[in-house]
Amino acid sequence: MDATASFLPCEARWFPADWRRAAPGATPTRTAPGCSPEEGSVLVGTYEIVAVLRPDLDEEGLGAALERITQRITEHGGALKSQERWGKRKLAFPIRKHRDGYYALLVFTLDPGRSAALRQMLGLNEDLLRFAFSTHHPKPAAAAAPAAAAPAAPPASPSTSGAPVTGSTPAAGHPSAPPAGSSHV
Protein backbone atom coordinates (compact mmCIF):
# COMPACT_ATOMS: atom_id res chain seq x y z
CA MET A 1 0.00 0.00 0.00
CA ASP A 2 1.39 3.42 -0.84
CA ALA A 3 2.07 6.08 1.76
CA THR A 4 -0.64 8.45 0.52
CA ALA A 5 -3.46 5.98 1.12
CA SER A 6 -2.23 4.63 4.45
CA PHE A 7 -3.81 7.43 6.50
CA LEU A 8 -7.25 7.08 4.90
CA PRO A 9 -9.98 4.97 6.50
CA CYS A 10 -10.82 1.67 4.83
CA GLU A 11 -13.97 3.06 3.22
CA ALA A 12 -12.00 5.71 1.37
CA ARG A 13 -9.32 3.33 0.06
CA TRP A 14 -11.15 0.99 -2.32
CA PHE A 15 -9.97 0.83 -5.86
CA PRO A 16 -12.16 -0.07 -8.88
CA ALA A 17 -9.46 -2.47 -10.15
CA ASP A 18 -9.79 -4.55 -6.96
CA TRP A 19 -13.51 -5.20 -7.21
CA ARG A 20 -13.53 -5.80 -10.97
CA ARG A 21 -11.33 -8.88 -10.51
CA ALA A 22 -14.08 -10.73 -8.64
CA ALA A 23 -15.25 -14.02 -10.12
CA PRO A 24 -18.34 -13.85 -12.37
CA GLY A 25 -21.48 -13.93 -10.23
CA ALA A 26 -19.56 -13.13 -7.03
CA THR A 27 -20.31 -9.99 -5.04
CA PRO A 28 -17.29 -7.71 -5.21
CA THR A 29 -15.71 -6.48 -2.01
CA ARG A 30 -15.48 -2.73 -2.19
CA THR A 31 -12.72 -2.18 0.33
CA ALA A 32 -8.99 -1.73 0.04
CA PRO A 33 -6.54 -4.56 0.57
CA GLY A 34 -5.84 -4.98 4.26
CA CYS A 35 -9.28 -3.81 5.38
CA SER A 36 -11.74 -6.40 6.60
CA PRO A 37 -15.27 -5.70 5.34
CA GLU A 38 -18.20 -6.57 7.54
CA GLU A 39 -20.66 -9.12 6.21
CA GLY A 40 -23.24 -7.42 4.00
CA SER A 41 -21.57 -4.01 4.23
CA VAL A 42 -21.87 -1.66 1.30
CA LEU A 43 -19.64 1.31 0.77
CA VAL A 44 -21.66 4.52 0.99
CA GLY A 45 -20.52 8.04 0.38
CA THR A 46 -21.87 11.28 1.73
CA TYR A 47 -23.00 13.63 -1.01
CA GLU A 48 -24.64 17.03 -1.26
CA ILE A 49 -26.84 18.67 -3.81
CA VAL A 50 -27.15 22.42 -4.09
CA ALA A 51 -30.38 22.86 -6.01
CA VAL A 52 -31.74 25.97 -7.71
CA LEU A 53 -35.51 25.69 -8.06
CA ARG A 54 -37.95 27.78 -10.09
CA PRO A 55 -38.80 31.14 -8.49
CA ASP A 56 -42.49 30.98 -9.38
CA LEU A 57 -43.12 28.14 -6.91
CA ASP A 58 -45.12 29.08 -3.82
CA GLU A 59 -44.20 27.70 -0.39
CA GLU A 60 -46.37 24.63 -0.91
CA GLY A 61 -44.95 23.97 -4.39
CA LEU A 62 -41.39 24.44 -3.13
CA GLY A 63 -41.97 21.90 -0.36
CA ALA A 64 -43.43 19.44 -2.87
CA ALA A 65 -40.45 19.90 -5.24
CA LEU A 66 -37.96 19.26 -2.43
CA GLU A 67 -39.99 16.23 -1.36
CA ARG A 68 -39.77 14.84 -4.91
CA ILE A 69 -35.99 15.27 -4.85
CA THR A 70 -35.83 13.50 -1.48
CA GLN A 71 -38.03 10.73 -2.85
CA ARG A 72 -35.66 10.22 -5.80
CA ILE A 73 -32.73 9.95 -3.40
CA THR A 74 -34.47 7.26 -1.35
CA GLU A 75 -35.58 5.42 -4.51
CA HIS A 76 -31.91 5.08 -5.45
CA GLY A 77 -30.99 3.65 -2.03
CA GLY A 78 -29.90 6.87 -0.34
CA ALA A 79 -30.83 8.35 3.01
CA LEU A 80 -31.32 12.08 3.59
CA LYS A 81 -29.17 13.46 6.43
CA SER A 82 -30.10 17.15 6.33
CA GLN A 83 -31.95 19.69 4.25
CA GLU A 84 -31.49 23.48 4.35
CA ARG A 85 -33.52 26.08 2.52
CA TRP A 86 -31.34 29.06 1.60
CA GLY A 87 -34.18 31.14 0.21
CA LYS A 88 -34.74 33.11 -2.97
CA ARG A 89 -31.66 34.71 -4.54
CA LYS A 90 -30.80 36.54 -7.72
CA LEU A 91 -29.01 34.46 -10.34
CA ALA A 92 -25.83 35.65 -12.03
CA PHE A 93 -27.39 35.04 -15.44
CA PRO A 94 -30.83 33.94 -16.68
CA ILE A 95 -31.57 30.22 -16.60
CA ARG A 96 -34.62 29.16 -18.63
CA LYS A 97 -35.71 32.83 -18.68
CA HIS A 98 -35.66 33.09 -14.87
CA ARG A 99 -33.55 35.76 -13.10
CA ASP A 100 -34.17 34.44 -9.55
CA GLY A 101 -34.24 31.01 -7.97
CA TYR A 102 -34.83 29.23 -4.69
CA TYR A 103 -31.67 27.64 -3.33
CA ALA A 104 -31.64 24.49 -1.20
CA LEU A 105 -28.90 22.22 0.16
CA LEU A 106 -29.53 18.49 0.62
CA VAL A 107 -26.94 16.25 2.32
CA PHE A 108 -27.44 12.50 1.98
CA THR A 109 -25.68 9.13 1.89
CA LEU A 110 -25.68 6.99 -1.24
CA ASP A 111 -23.83 4.09 -2.81
CA PRO A 112 -21.29 5.61 -5.24
CA GLY A 113 -22.40 3.26 -8.01
CA ARG A 114 -25.88 4.76 -7.99
CA SER A 115 -24.91 8.43 -8.16
CA ALA A 116 -24.91 8.59 -11.99
CA ALA A 117 -28.45 7.24 -12.20
CA LEU A 118 -29.61 9.74 -9.56
CA ARG A 119 -28.01 12.64 -11.46
CA GLN A 120 -29.77 11.56 -14.63
CA MET A 121 -33.12 11.29 -12.85
CA LEU A 122 -32.73 14.73 -11.26
CA GLY A 123 -31.99 16.23 -14.68
CA LEU A 124 -35.53 15.30 -15.73
CA ASN A 125 -37.13 17.30 -12.90
CA GLU A 126 -38.71 20.42 -14.44
CA ASP A 127 -38.77 22.31 -11.14
CA LEU A 128 -34.97 22.20 -10.94
CA LEU A 129 -33.28 24.99 -12.89
CA ARG A 130 -29.78 23.76 -11.97
CA PHE A 131 -28.15 21.51 -9.43
CA ALA A 132 -24.62 20.77 -8.31
CA PHE A 133 -23.98 17.21 -7.16
CA SER A 134 -20.76 16.75 -5.18
CA THR A 135 -19.09 14.86 -2.36
CA HIS A 136 -19.92 16.36 1.03
CA HIS A 137 -17.03 17.57 3.16
CA PRO A 138 -18.33 18.78 6.54
CA LYS A 139 -16.70 21.76 8.20
CA PRO A 140 -14.19 20.74 10.85
CA ALA A 141 -15.63 21.42 14.30
CA ALA A 142 -12.19 21.87 15.88
CA ALA A 143 -11.40 24.99 13.83
CA ALA A 144 -14.59 26.76 14.92
CA ALA A 145 -14.19 25.95 18.63
CA PRO A 146 -11.03 28.02 19.37
CA ALA A 147 -12.47 31.10 17.69
CA ALA A 148 -15.64 30.87 19.77
CA ALA A 149 -13.75 30.15 23.00
CA ALA A 150 -11.42 33.16 22.73
CA PRO A 151 -13.00 36.23 24.34
CA ALA A 152 -13.11 39.39 22.26
CA ALA A 153 -10.58 42.02 23.32
CA PRO A 154 -12.09 45.36 24.36
CA PRO A 155 -11.44 48.18 21.91
CA ALA A 156 -8.42 50.34 22.73
CA SER A 157 -9.26 53.84 23.91
CA PRO A 158 -6.97 56.86 23.61
CA SER A 159 -4.85 57.57 26.62
CA THR A 160 -6.29 60.21 28.94
CA SER A 161 -3.21 60.50 31.13
CA GLY A 162 -1.70 63.25 29.00
CA ALA A 163 1.01 60.95 27.62
CA PRO A 164 1.98 61.54 23.99
CA VAL A 165 0.18 59.50 21.38
CA THR A 166 2.32 56.61 20.15
CA GLY A 167 2.76 55.67 16.51
CA SER A 168 0.48 52.63 16.81
CA THR A 169 -2.81 54.44 17.45
CA PRO A 170 -4.69 56.15 14.62
CA ALA A 171 -4.45 59.94 14.44
CA ALA A 172 -7.60 61.91 15.20
CA GLY A 173 -9.69 58.76 15.58
CA HIS A 174 -9.61 57.87 11.86
CA PRO A 175 -8.80 54.18 11.30
CA SER A 176 -7.43 54.84 7.82
CA ALA A 177 -5.22 57.77 8.84
CA PRO A 178 -1.47 57.16 9.10
CA PRO A 179 0.02 56.79 12.59
CA ALA A 180 0.97 60.00 14.38
CA GLY A 181 4.51 61.10 13.79
CA SER A 182 4.91 59.33 10.44
CA SER A 183 5.68 61.34 7.37
CA HIS A 184 3.85 60.21 4.26
CA VAL A 185 4.43 62.14 1.08
C-alpha atoms as a PDB file:
ATOM      1  CA  MET A   1       0.000   0.000   0.000  1.00  0.00           C
ATOM      2  CA  ASP A   2       1.389   3.421  -0.844  1.00  0.00           C
ATOM      3  CA  ALA A   3       2.072   6.082   1.757  1.00  0.00           C
ATOM      4  CA  THR A   4      -0.642   8.446   0.524  1.00  0.00           C
ATOM      5  CA  ALA A   5      -3.461   5.977   1.115  1.00  0.00           C
ATOM      6  CA  SER A   6      -2.228   4.634   4.451  1.00  0.00           C
ATOM      7  CA  PHE A   7      -3.806   7.425   6.502  1.00  0.00           C
ATOM      8  CA  LEU A   8      -7.254   7.083   4.901  1.00  0.00           C
ATOM      9  CA  PRO A   9      -9.978   4.965   6.500  1.00  0.00           C
ATOM     10  CA  CYS A  10     -10.823   1.669   4.831  1.00  0.00           C
ATOM     11  CA  GLU A  11     -13.968   3.064   3.225  1.00  0.00           C
ATOM     12  CA  ALA A  12     -11.997   5.711   1.372  1.00  0.00           C
ATOM     13  CA  ARG A  13      -9.323   3.325   0.065  1.00  0.00           C
ATOM     14  CA  TRP A  14     -11.149   0.995  -2.323  1.00  0.00           C
ATOM     15  CA  PHE A  15      -9.967   0.830  -5.863  1.00  0.00           C
ATOM     16  CA  PRO A  16     -12.157  -0.074  -8.876  1.00  0.00           C
ATOM     17  CA  ALA A  17      -9.459  -2.466 -10.152  1.00  0.00           C
ATOM     18  CA  ASP A  18      -9.793  -4.547  -6.963  1.00  0.00           C
ATOM     19  CA  TRP A  19     -13.513  -5.195  -7.212  1.00  0.00           C
ATOM     20  CA  ARG A  20     -13.535  -5.804 -10.974  1.00  0.00           C
ATOM     21  CA  ARG A  21     -11.333  -8.883 -10.509  1.00  0.00           C
ATOM     22  CA  ALA A  22     -14.076 -10.730  -8.639  1.00  0.00           C
ATOM     23  CA  ALA A  23     -15.250 -14.018 -10.124  1.00  0.00           C
ATOM     24  CA  PRO A  24     -18.342 -13.849 -12.366  1.00  0.00           C
ATOM     25  CA  GLY A  25     -21.476 -13.932 -10.233  1.00  0.00           C
ATOM     26  CA  ALA A  26     -19.564 -13.126  -7.026  1.00  0.00           C
ATOM     27  CA  THR A  27     -20.314  -9.990  -5.040  1.00  0.00           C
ATOM     28  CA  PRO A  28     -17.286  -7.714  -5.211  1.00  0.00           C
ATOM     29  CA  THR A  29     -15.707  -6.484  -2.007  1.00  0.00           C
ATOM     30  CA  ARG A  30     -15.484  -2.727  -2.186  1.00  0.00           C
ATOM     31  CA  THR A  31     -12.722  -2.182   0.331  1.00  0.00           C
ATOM     32  CA  ALA A  32      -8.994  -1.731   0.042  1.00  0.00           C
ATOM     33  CA  PRO A  33      -6.540  -4.560   0.570  1.00  0.00           C
ATOM     34  CA  GLY A  34      -5.840  -4.980   4.260  1.00  0.00           C
ATOM     35  CA  CYS A  35      -9.283  -3.807   5.381  1.00  0.00           C
ATOM     36  CA  SER A  36     -11.736  -6.396   6.601  1.00  0.00           C
ATOM     37  CA  PRO A  37     -15.268  -5.698   5.336  1.00  0.00           C
ATOM     38  CA  GLU A  38     -18.200  -6.571   7.536  1.00  0.00           C
ATOM     39  CA  GLU A  39     -20.664  -9.118   6.210  1.00  0.00           C
ATOM     40  CA  GLY A  40     -23.236  -7.424   3.999  1.00  0.00           C
ATOM     41  CA  SER A  41     -21.573  -4.012   4.233  1.00  0.00           C
ATOM     42  CA  VAL A  42     -21.872  -1.659   1.301  1.00  0.00           C
ATOM     43  CA  LEU A  43     -19.636   1.315   0.766  1.00  0.00           C
ATOM     44  CA  VAL A  44     -21.657   4.519   0.992  1.00  0.00           C
ATOM     45  CA  GLY A  45     -20.515   8.041   0.380  1.00  0.00           C
ATOM     46  CA  THR A  46     -21.874  11.277   1.735  1.00  0.00           C
ATOM     47  CA  TYR A  47     -23.001  13.631  -1.008  1.00  0.00           C
ATOM     48  CA  GLU A  48     -24.636  17.031  -1.258  1.00  0.00           C
ATOM     49  CA  ILE A  49     -26.841  18.671  -3.814  1.00  0.00           C
ATOM     50  CA  VAL A  50     -27.148  22.424  -4.090  1.00  0.00           C
ATOM     51  CA  ALA A  51     -30.376  22.861  -6.010  1.00  0.00           C
ATOM     52  CA  VAL A  52     -31.745  25.974  -7.708  1.00  0.00           C
ATOM     53  CA  LEU A  53     -35.511  25.694  -8.065  1.00  0.00           C
ATOM     54  CA  ARG A  54     -37.951  27.780 -10.093  1.00  0.00           C
ATOM     55  CA  PRO A  55     -38.797  31.143  -8.494  1.00  0.00           C
ATOM     56  CA  ASP A  56     -42.492  30.980  -9.380  1.00  0.00           C
ATOM     57  CA  LEU A  57     -43.120  28.141  -6.907  1.00  0.00           C
ATOM     58  CA  ASP A  58     -45.119  29.078  -3.825  1.00  0.00           C
ATOM     59  CA  GLU A  59     -44.202  27.696  -0.390  1.00  0.00           C
ATOM     60  CA  GLU A  60     -46.370  24.629  -0.908  1.00  0.00           C
ATOM     61  CA  GLY A  61     -44.949  23.966  -4.389  1.00  0.00           C
ATOM     62  CA  LEU A  62     -41.386  24.438  -3.130  1.00  0.00           C
ATOM     63  CA  GLY A  63     -41.968  21.897  -0.363  1.00  0.00           C
ATOM     64  CA  ALA A  64     -43.429  19.443  -2.875  1.00  0.00           C
ATOM     65  CA  ALA A  65     -40.454  19.900  -5.241  1.00  0.00           C
ATOM     66  CA  LEU A  66     -37.963  19.264  -2.428  1.00  0.00           C
ATOM     67  CA  GLU A  67     -39.994  16.232  -1.357  1.00  0.00           C
ATOM     68  CA  ARG A  68     -39.771  14.841  -4.914  1.00  0.00           C
ATOM     69  CA  ILE A  69     -35.985  15.268  -4.853  1.00  0.00           C
ATOM     70  CA  THR A  70     -35.830  13.501  -1.485  1.00  0.00           C
ATOM     71  CA  GLN A  71     -38.034  10.730  -2.850  1.00  0.00           C
ATOM     72  CA  ARG A  72     -35.664  10.222  -5.803  1.00  0.00           C
ATOM     73  CA  ILE A  73     -32.732   9.955  -3.397  1.00  0.00           C
ATOM     74  CA  THR A  74     -34.472   7.259  -1.352  1.00  0.00           C
ATOM     75  CA  GLU A  75     -35.583   5.417  -4.513  1.00  0.00           C
ATOM     76  CA  HIS A  76     -31.913   5.082  -5.454  1.00  0.00           C
ATOM     77  CA  GLY A  77     -30.995   3.655  -2.033  1.00  0.00           C
ATOM     78  CA  GLY A  78     -29.903   6.873  -0.342  1.00  0.00           C
ATOM     79  CA  ALA A  79     -30.826   8.352   3.010  1.00  0.00           C
ATOM     80  CA  LEU A  80     -31.318  12.077   3.589  1.00  0.00           C
ATOM     81  CA  LYS A  81     -29.171  13.463   6.428  1.00  0.00           C
ATOM     82  CA  SER A  82     -30.105  17.151   6.328  1.00  0.00           C
ATOM     83  CA  GLN A  83     -31.951  19.693   4.249  1.00  0.00           C
ATOM     84  CA  GLU A  84     -31.492  23.479   4.352  1.00  0.00           C
ATOM     85  CA  ARG A  85     -33.515  26.078   2.518  1.00  0.00           C
ATOM     86  CA  TRP A  86     -31.337  29.056   1.600  1.00  0.00           C
ATOM     87  CA  GLY A  87     -34.176  31.138   0.205  1.00  0.00           C
ATOM     88  CA  LYS A  88     -34.741  33.110  -2.971  1.00  0.00           C
ATOM     89  CA  ARG A  89     -31.663  34.707  -4.539  1.00  0.00           C
ATOM     90  CA  LYS A  90     -30.805  36.541  -7.720  1.00  0.00           C
ATOM     91  CA  LEU A  91     -29.007  34.456 -10.336  1.00  0.00           C
ATOM     92  CA  ALA A  92     -25.826  35.649 -12.031  1.00  0.00           C
ATOM     93  CA  PHE A  93     -27.390  35.043 -15.440  1.00  0.00           C
ATOM     94  CA  PRO A  94     -30.828  33.945 -16.681  1.00  0.00           C
ATOM     95  CA  ILE A  95     -31.569  30.216 -16.603  1.00  0.00           C
ATOM     96  CA  ARG A  96     -34.616  29.161 -18.632  1.00  0.00           C
ATOM     97  CA  LYS A  97     -35.712  32.825 -18.685  1.00  0.00           C
ATOM     98  CA  HIS A  98     -35.656  33.093 -14.871  1.00  0.00           C
ATOM     99  CA  ARG A  99     -33.546  35.760 -13.105  1.00  0.00           C
ATOM    100  CA  ASP A 100     -34.169  34.443  -9.550  1.00  0.00           C
ATOM    101  CA  GLY A 101     -34.242  31.012  -7.970  1.00  0.00           C
ATOM    102  CA  TYR A 102     -34.833  29.232  -4.687  1.00  0.00           C
ATOM    103  CA  TYR A 103     -31.670  27.636  -3.330  1.00  0.00           C
ATOM    104  CA  ALA A 104     -31.636  24.489  -1.197  1.00  0.00           C
ATOM    105  CA  LEU A 105     -28.895  22.221   0.158  1.00  0.00           C
ATOM    106  CA  LEU A 106     -29.530  18.491   0.616  1.00  0.00           C
ATOM    107  CA  VAL A 107     -26.945  16.252   2.316  1.00  0.00           C
ATOM    108  CA  PHE A 108     -27.438  12.500   1.975  1.00  0.00           C
ATOM    109  CA  THR A 109     -25.683   9.125   1.888  1.00  0.00           C
ATOM    110  CA  LEU A 110     -25.679   6.992  -1.236  1.00  0.00           C
ATOM    111  CA  ASP A 111     -23.834   4.087  -2.810  1.00  0.00           C
ATOM    112  CA  PRO A 112     -21.288   5.605  -5.240  1.00  0.00           C
ATOM    113  CA  GLY A 113     -22.398   3.259  -8.008  1.00  0.00           C
ATOM    114  CA  ARG A 114     -25.885   4.760  -7.993  1.00  0.00           C
ATOM    115  CA  SER A 115     -24.908   8.426  -8.156  1.00  0.00           C
ATOM    116  CA  ALA A 116     -24.905   8.588 -11.986  1.00  0.00           C
ATOM    117  CA  ALA A 117     -28.455   7.243 -12.199  1.00  0.00           C
ATOM    118  CA  LEU A 118     -29.606   9.744  -9.565  1.00  0.00           C
ATOM    119  CA  ARG A 119     -28.010  12.645 -11.460  1.00  0.00           C
ATOM    120  CA  GLN A 120     -29.769  11.558 -14.633  1.00  0.00           C
ATOM    121  CA  MET A 121     -33.120  11.287 -12.849  1.00  0.00           C
ATOM    122  CA  LEU A 122     -32.727  14.734 -11.258  1.00  0.00           C
ATOM    123  CA  GLY A 123     -31.989  16.234 -14.679  1.00  0.00           C
ATOM    124  CA  LEU A 124     -35.532  15.304 -15.733  1.00  0.00           C
ATOM    125  CA  ASN A 125     -37.134  17.296 -12.902  1.00  0.00           C
ATOM    126  CA  GLU A 126     -38.709  20.423 -14.440  1.00  0.00           C
ATOM    127  CA  ASP A 127     -38.770  22.315 -11.140  1.00  0.00           C
ATOM    128  CA  LEU A 128     -34.966  22.204 -10.941  1.00  0.00           C
ATOM    129  CA  LEU A 129     -33.276  24.990 -12.894  1.00  0.00           C
ATOM    130  CA  ARG A 130     -29.783  23.761 -11.969  1.00  0.00           C
ATOM    131  CA  PHE A 131     -28.154  21.511  -9.428  1.00  0.00           C
ATOM    132  CA  ALA A 132     -24.624  20.774  -8.313  1.00  0.00           C
ATOM    133  CA  PHE A 133     -23.977  17.214  -7.162  1.00  0.00           C
ATOM    134  CA  SER A 134     -20.758  16.745  -5.181  1.00  0.00           C
ATOM    135  CA  THR A 135     -19.091  14.857  -2.355  1.00  0.00           C
ATOM    136  CA  HIS A 136     -19.923  16.365   1.030  1.00  0.00           C
ATOM    137  CA  HIS A 137     -17.031  17.574   3.158  1.00  0.00           C
ATOM    138  CA  PRO A 138     -18.326  18.778   6.543  1.00  0.00           C
ATOM    139  CA  LYS A 139     -16.703  21.763   8.197  1.00  0.00           C
ATOM    140  CA  PRO A 140     -14.189  20.743  10.854  1.00  0.00           C
ATOM    141  CA  ALA A 141     -15.632  21.417  14.296  1.00  0.00           C
ATOM    142  CA  ALA A 142     -12.188  21.867  15.883  1.00  0.00           C
ATOM    143  CA  ALA A 143     -11.403  24.992  13.834  1.00  0.00           C
ATOM    144  CA  ALA A 144     -14.587  26.764  14.916  1.00  0.00           C
ATOM    145  CA  ALA A 145     -14.193  25.952  18.631  1.00  0.00           C
ATOM    146  CA  PRO A 146     -11.028  28.020  19.374  1.00  0.00           C
ATOM    147  CA  ALA A 147     -12.474  31.097  17.689  1.00  0.00           C
ATOM    148  CA  ALA A 148     -15.636  30.869  19.769  1.00  0.00           C
ATOM    149  CA  ALA A 149     -13.755  30.154  22.998  1.00  0.00           C
ATOM    150  CA  ALA A 150     -11.421  33.163  22.730  1.00  0.00           C
ATOM    151  CA  PRO A 151     -12.995  36.229  24.341  1.00  0.00           C
ATOM    152  CA  ALA A 152     -13.110  39.387  22.255  1.00  0.00           C
ATOM    153  CA  ALA A 153     -10.578  42.018  23.320  1.00  0.00           C
ATOM    154  CA  PRO A 154     -12.095  45.359  24.357  1.00  0.00           C
ATOM    155  CA  PRO A 155     -11.440  48.184  21.909  1.00  0.00           C
ATOM    156  CA  ALA A 156      -8.423  50.343  22.730  1.00  0.00           C
ATOM    157  CA  SER A 157      -9.257  53.840  23.912  1.00  0.00           C
ATOM    158  CA  PRO A 158      -6.973  56.856  23.613  1.00  0.00           C
ATOM    159  CA  SER A 159      -4.855  57.574  26.624  1.00  0.00           C
ATOM    160  CA  THR A 160      -6.292  60.215  28.944  1.00  0.00           C
ATOM    161  CA  SER A 161      -3.212  60.495  31.128  1.00  0.00           C
ATOM    162  CA  GLY A 162      -1.697  63.246  28.996  1.00  0.00           C
ATOM    163  CA  ALA A 163       1.008  60.953  27.616  1.00  0.00           C
ATOM    164  CA  PRO A 164       1.976  61.541  23.989  1.00  0.00           C
ATOM    165  CA  VAL A 165       0.175  59.495  21.381  1.00  0.00           C
ATOM    166  CA  THR A 166       2.322  56.613  20.154  1.00  0.00           C
ATOM    167  CA  GLY A 167       2.761  55.669  16.507  1.00  0.00           C
ATOM    168  CA  SER A 168       0.485  52.627  16.811  1.00  0.00           C
ATOM    169  CA  THR A 169      -2.807  54.439  17.453  1.00  0.00           C
ATOM    170  CA  PRO A 170      -4.690  56.148  14.623  1.00  0.00           C
ATOM    171  CA  ALA A 171      -4.452  59.941  14.444  1.00  0.00           C
ATOM    172  CA  ALA A 172      -7.598  61.909  15.203  1.00  0.00           C
ATOM    173  CA  GLY A 173      -9.686  58.758  15.583  1.00  0.00           C
ATOM    174  CA  HIS A 174      -9.610  57.871  11.859  1.00  0.00           C
ATOM    175  CA  PRO A 175      -8.802  54.181  11.302  1.00  0.00           C
ATOM    176  CA  SER A 176      -7.426  54.844   7.819  1.00  0.00           C
ATOM    177  CA  ALA A 177      -5.219  57.774   8.837  1.00  0.00           C
ATOM    178  CA  PRO A 178      -1.467  57.159   9.103  1.00  0.00           C
ATOM    179  CA  PRO A 179       0.018  56.791  12.590  1.00  0.00           C
ATOM    180  CA  ALA A 180       0.971  59.999  14.383  1.00  0.00           C
ATOM    181  CA  GLY A 181       4.507  61.096  13.791  1.00  0.00           C
ATOM    182  CA  SER A 182       4.914  59.329  10.443  1.00  0.00           C
ATOM    183  CA  SER A 183       5.685  61.344   7.375  1.00  0.00           C
ATOM    184  CA  HIS A 184       3.855  60.213   4.259  1.00  0.00           C
ATOM    185  CA  VAL A 185       4.431  62.138   1.081  1.00  0.00           C
END
